[in-house]
Amino acid sequence: MPLNSYTDPNRKSQKDYESIKQHPRITRLSPTTIRIAHEDHTLMNVIQYFLMQHPFVVAGYVIPHLSEDVVELSIVGKNDMIGDIFEWLCTALDELEAMGNEMMESMIEAENEGV
């Protein structure tokens, strides 16, 4: 069951919207695994780190083959804890965004202080 994260009907380019709709970046492979297109170790290492900060989650990813432009991310709850893989992924992405915002604020503060 593919999940299309780009279903914004207000996109200026209907052609782009239709292309994304036909070729979603995220596809659910199983209840615990999703396939994400056009990603690599750069983002996936960080996502895995944030997921693993939660004591109830085990997460890992693989790139099936170097010639494929996809990663497969698995997220499983420890001790048979059941949860939604997309909720856990969104939580990790929210935490990443919060860290990025903190870093940006620190950089702006340092620049204003002349450091």
C-alpha atoms as a PDB file:
ATOM      1  CA  MET A   1       0.000   0.000   0.000  1.00  0.00           C
ATOM      2  CA  PRO A   2       1.914   3.102  -1.153  1.00  0.00           C
ATOM      3  CA  LEU A   3       1.865   6.215   0.960  1.00  0.00           C
ATOM      4  CA  ASN A   4       2.265   9.388  -1.034  1.00  0.00           C
ATOM      5  CA  SER A   5       3.654  12.191   1.085  1.00  0.00           C
ATOM      6  CA  TYR A   6       3.208  14.717  -1.716  1.00  0.00           C
ATOM      7  CA  THR A   7      -0.561  14.908  -2.096  1.00  0.00           C
ATOM      8  CA  ASP A   8      -0.825  18.684  -2.013  1.00  0.00           C
ATOM      9  CA  PRO A   9      -3.542  19.567  -4.544  1.00  0.00           C
ATOM     10  CA  ASN A  10      -2.445  23.207  -4.461  1.00  0.00           C
ATOM     11  CA  ARG A  11       0.843  22.493  -6.247  1.00  0.00           C
ATOM     12  CA  LYS A  12       1.499  24.973  -9.011  1.00  0.00           C
ATOM     13  CA  SER A  13       2.627  22.314 -11.425  1.00  0.00           C
ATOM     14  CA  GLN A  14      -0.076  19.722 -11.978  1.00  0.00           C
ATOM     15  CA  LYS A  15       2.366  17.707 -14.094  1.00  0.00           C
ATOM     16  CA  ASP A  16       4.795  17.400 -11.156  1.00  0.00           C
ATOM     17  CA  TYR A  17       1.931  16.524  -8.839  1.00  0.00           C
ATOM     18  CA  GLU A  18       0.704  13.756 -11.143  1.00  0.00           C
ATOM     19  CA  SER A  19       4.226  12.376 -11.570  1.00  0.00           C
ATOM     20  CA  ILE A  20       4.759  12.215  -7.812  1.00  0.00           C
ATOM     21  CA  LYS A  21       1.315  10.699  -7.327  1.00  0.00           C
ATOM     22  CA  GLN A  22       2.135   7.925  -9.815  1.00  0.00           C
ATOM     23  CA  HIS A  23       5.629   7.332  -8.390  1.00  0.00           C
ATOM     24  CA  PRO A  24       5.465   7.779  -4.597  1.00  0.00           C
ATOM     25  CA  ARG A  25       8.718   8.134  -2.660  1.00  0.00           C
ATOM     26  CA  ILE A  26       7.505   6.078   0.286  1.00  0.00           C
ATOM     27  CA  THR A  27       6.046   2.597  -0.012  1.00  0.00           C
ATOM     28  CA  ARG A  28       5.015   0.321   2.850  1.00  0.00           C
ATOM     29  CA  LEU A  29       6.601  -3.118   2.417  1.00  0.00           C
ATOM     30  CA  SER A  30       5.264  -4.618   5.656  1.00  0.00           C
ATOM     31  CA  PRO A  31       3.812  -3.385   8.954  1.00  0.00           C
ATOM     32  CA  THR A  32       7.363  -2.659  10.158  1.00  0.00           C
ATOM     33  CA  THR A  33       9.246  -1.768   6.957  1.00  0.00           C
ATOM     34  CA  ILE A  34       9.004   1.038   4.439  1.00  0.00           C
ATOM     35  CA  ARG A  35      10.944   1.733   1.260  1.00  0.00           C
ATOM     36  CA  ILE A  36      12.069   5.322   0.675  1.00  0.00           C
ATOM     37  CA  ALA A  37      13.242   6.372  -2.774  1.00  0.00           C
ATOM     38  CA  HIS A  38      15.994   8.917  -3.463  1.00  0.00           C
ATOM     39  CA  GLU A  39      17.627   8.706  -0.014  1.00  0.00           C
ATOM     40  CA  ASP A  40      20.951   7.358   1.177  1.00  0.00           C
ATOM     41  CA  HIS A  41      23.142   7.117   4.276  1.00  0.00           C
ATOM     42  CA  THR A  42      23.191  10.901   4.740  1.00  0.00           C
ATOM     43  CA  LEU A  43      19.652  11.172   6.073  1.00  0.00           C
ATOM     44  CA  MET A  44      19.095   7.581   7.131  1.00  0.00           C
ATOM     45  CA  ASN A  45      21.957   7.532   9.668  1.00  0.00           C
ATOM     46  CA  VAL A  46      20.420  10.540  11.403  1.00  0.00           C
ATOM     47  CA  ILE A  47      16.884   9.127  11.325  1.00  0.00           C
ATOM     48  CA  GLN A  48      18.123   5.823  12.738  1.00  0.00           C
ATOM     49  CA  TYR A  49      19.982   7.700  15.498  1.00  0.00           C
ATOM     50  CA  PHE A  50      16.865   9.611  16.562  1.00  0.00           C
ATOM     51  CA  LEU A  51      14.701   6.484  16.438  1.00  0.00           C
ATOM     52  CA  MET A  52      17.178   4.562  18.591  1.00  0.00           C
ATOM     53  CA  GLN A  53      17.064   7.276  21.277  1.00  0.00           C
ATOM     54  CA  HIS A  54      13.689   5.854  22.305  1.00  0.00           C
ATOM     55  CA  PRO A  55      14.150   2.857  24.611  1.00  0.00           C
ATOM     56  CA  PHE A  56      11.122   1.060  23.178  1.00  0.00           C
ATOM     57  CA  VAL A  57      12.247   1.137  19.521  1.00  0.00           C
ATOM     58  CA  VAL A  58      14.710  -0.867  17.458  1.00  0.00           C
ATOM     59  CA  ALA A  59      15.429   0.611  14.025  1.00  0.00           C
ATOM     60  CA  GLY A  60      17.701  -0.133  11.126  1.00  0.00           C
ATOM     61  CA  TYR A  61      17.965   0.465   7.428  1.00  0.00           C
ATOM     62  CA  VAL A  62      19.528  -1.189   4.423  1.00  0.00           C
ATOM     63  CA  ILE A  63      20.313  -0.110   0.910  1.00  0.00           C
ATOM     64  CA  PRO A  64      19.392  -3.296  -0.980  1.00  0.00           C
ATOM     65  CA  HIS A  65      21.908  -2.687  -3.757  1.00  0.00           C
ATOM     66  CA  LEU A  66      24.142   0.241  -4.646  1.00  0.00           C
ATOM     67  CA  SER A  67      22.569   0.452  -8.079  1.00  0.00           C
ATOM     68  CA  GLU A  68      19.137   1.019  -6.500  1.00  0.00           C
ATOM     69  CA  ASP A  69      18.220   4.529  -5.404  1.00  0.00           C
ATOM     70  CA  VAL A  70      16.200   3.327  -2.399  1.00  0.00           C
ATOM     71  CA  VAL A  71      16.582   2.482   1.268  1.00  0.00           C
ATOM     72  CA  GLU A  72      14.483   0.140   3.350  1.00  0.00           C
ATOM     73  CA  LEU A  73      13.822   1.315   6.904  1.00  0.00           C
ATOM     74  CA  SER A  74      12.545  -1.100   9.551  1.00  0.00           C
ATOM     75  CA  ILE A  75      11.187   0.088  12.884  1.00  0.00           C
ATOM     76  CA  VAL A  76      10.078  -2.424  15.509  1.00  0.00           C
ATOM     77  CA  GLY A  77       8.803  -1.909  19.040  1.00  0.00           C
ATOM     78  CA  LYS A  78      10.687  -3.806  21.754  1.00  0.00           C
ATOM     79  CA  ASN A  79       8.856  -6.384  23.876  1.00  0.00           C
ATOM     80  CA  ASP A  80       6.111  -6.765  21.278  1.00  0.00           C
ATOM     81  CA  MET A  81       5.174  -3.104  21.600  1.00  0.00           C
ATOM     82  CA  ILE A  82       2.948  -2.272  18.676  1.00  0.00           C
ATOM     83  CA  GLY A  83       3.089   1.153  17.104  1.00  0.00           C
ATOM     84  CA  ASP A  84       2.688   2.871  13.797  1.00  0.00           C
ATOM     85  CA  ILE A  85       5.908   3.040  11.808  1.00  0.00           C
ATOM     86  CA  PHE A  86       4.882   6.382  10.323  1.00  0.00           C
ATOM     87  CA  GLU A  87       4.209   7.923  13.755  1.00  0.00           C
ATOM     88  CA  TRP A  88       7.654   6.835  14.934  1.00  0.00           C
ATOM     89  CA  LEU A  89       9.248   8.165  11.750  1.00  0.00           C
ATOM     90  CA  CYS A  90       7.438  11.503  12.106  1.00  0.00           C
ATOM     91  CA  THR A  91       8.574  11.750  15.734  1.00  0.00           C
ATOM     92  CA  ALA A  92      12.192  11.195  14.674  1.00  0.00           C
ATOM     93  CA  LEU A  93      11.872  13.817  11.927  1.00  0.00           C
ATOM     94  CA  ASP A  94      10.304  16.303  14.382  1.00  0.00           C
ATOM     95  CA  GLU A  95      13.236  15.753  16.757  1.00  0.00           C
ATOM     96  CA  LEU A  96      15.688  16.272  13.892  1.00  0.00           C
ATOM     97  CA  GLU A  97      13.937  19.510  12.958  1.00  0.00           C
ATOM     98  CA  ALA A  98      14.036  20.701  16.585  1.00  0.00           C
ATOM     99  CA  MET A  99      17.775  20.003  16.763  1.00  0.00           C
ATOM    100  CA  GLY A 100      18.308  21.893  13.507  1.00  0.00           C
ATOM    101  CA  ASN A 101      16.339  24.854  14.862  1.00  0.00           C
ATOM    102  CA  GLU A 102      18.433  24.863  18.054  1.00  0.00           C
ATOM    103  CA  MET A 103      21.624  24.843  16.015  1.00  0.00           C
ATOM    104  CA  MET A 104      20.372  27.677  13.826  1.00  0.00           C
ATOM    105  CA  GLU A 105      19.431  29.763  16.878  1.00  0.00           C
ATOM    106  CA  SER A 106      22.868  29.143  18.408  1.00  0.00           C
ATOM    107  CA  MET A 107      24.594  30.189  15.192  1.00  0.00           C
ATOM    108  CA  ILE A 108      22.528  33.374  14.915  1.00  0.00           C
ATOM    109  CA  GLU A 109      23.194  34.155  18.575  1.00  0.00           C
ATOM    110  CA  ALA A 110      26.941  33.630  18.116  1.00  0.00           C
ATOM    111  CA  GLU A 111      26.940  35.804  14.998  1.00  0.00           C
ATOM    112  CA  ASN A 112      25.111  38.596  16.824  1.00  0.00           C
ATOM    113  CA  GLU A 113      27.608  38.412  19.692  1.00  0.00           C
ATOM    114  CA  GLY A 114      30.485  38.612  17.241  1.00  0.00           C
ATOM    115  CA  VAL A 115      31.946  35.261  18.212  1.00  0.00           C
END
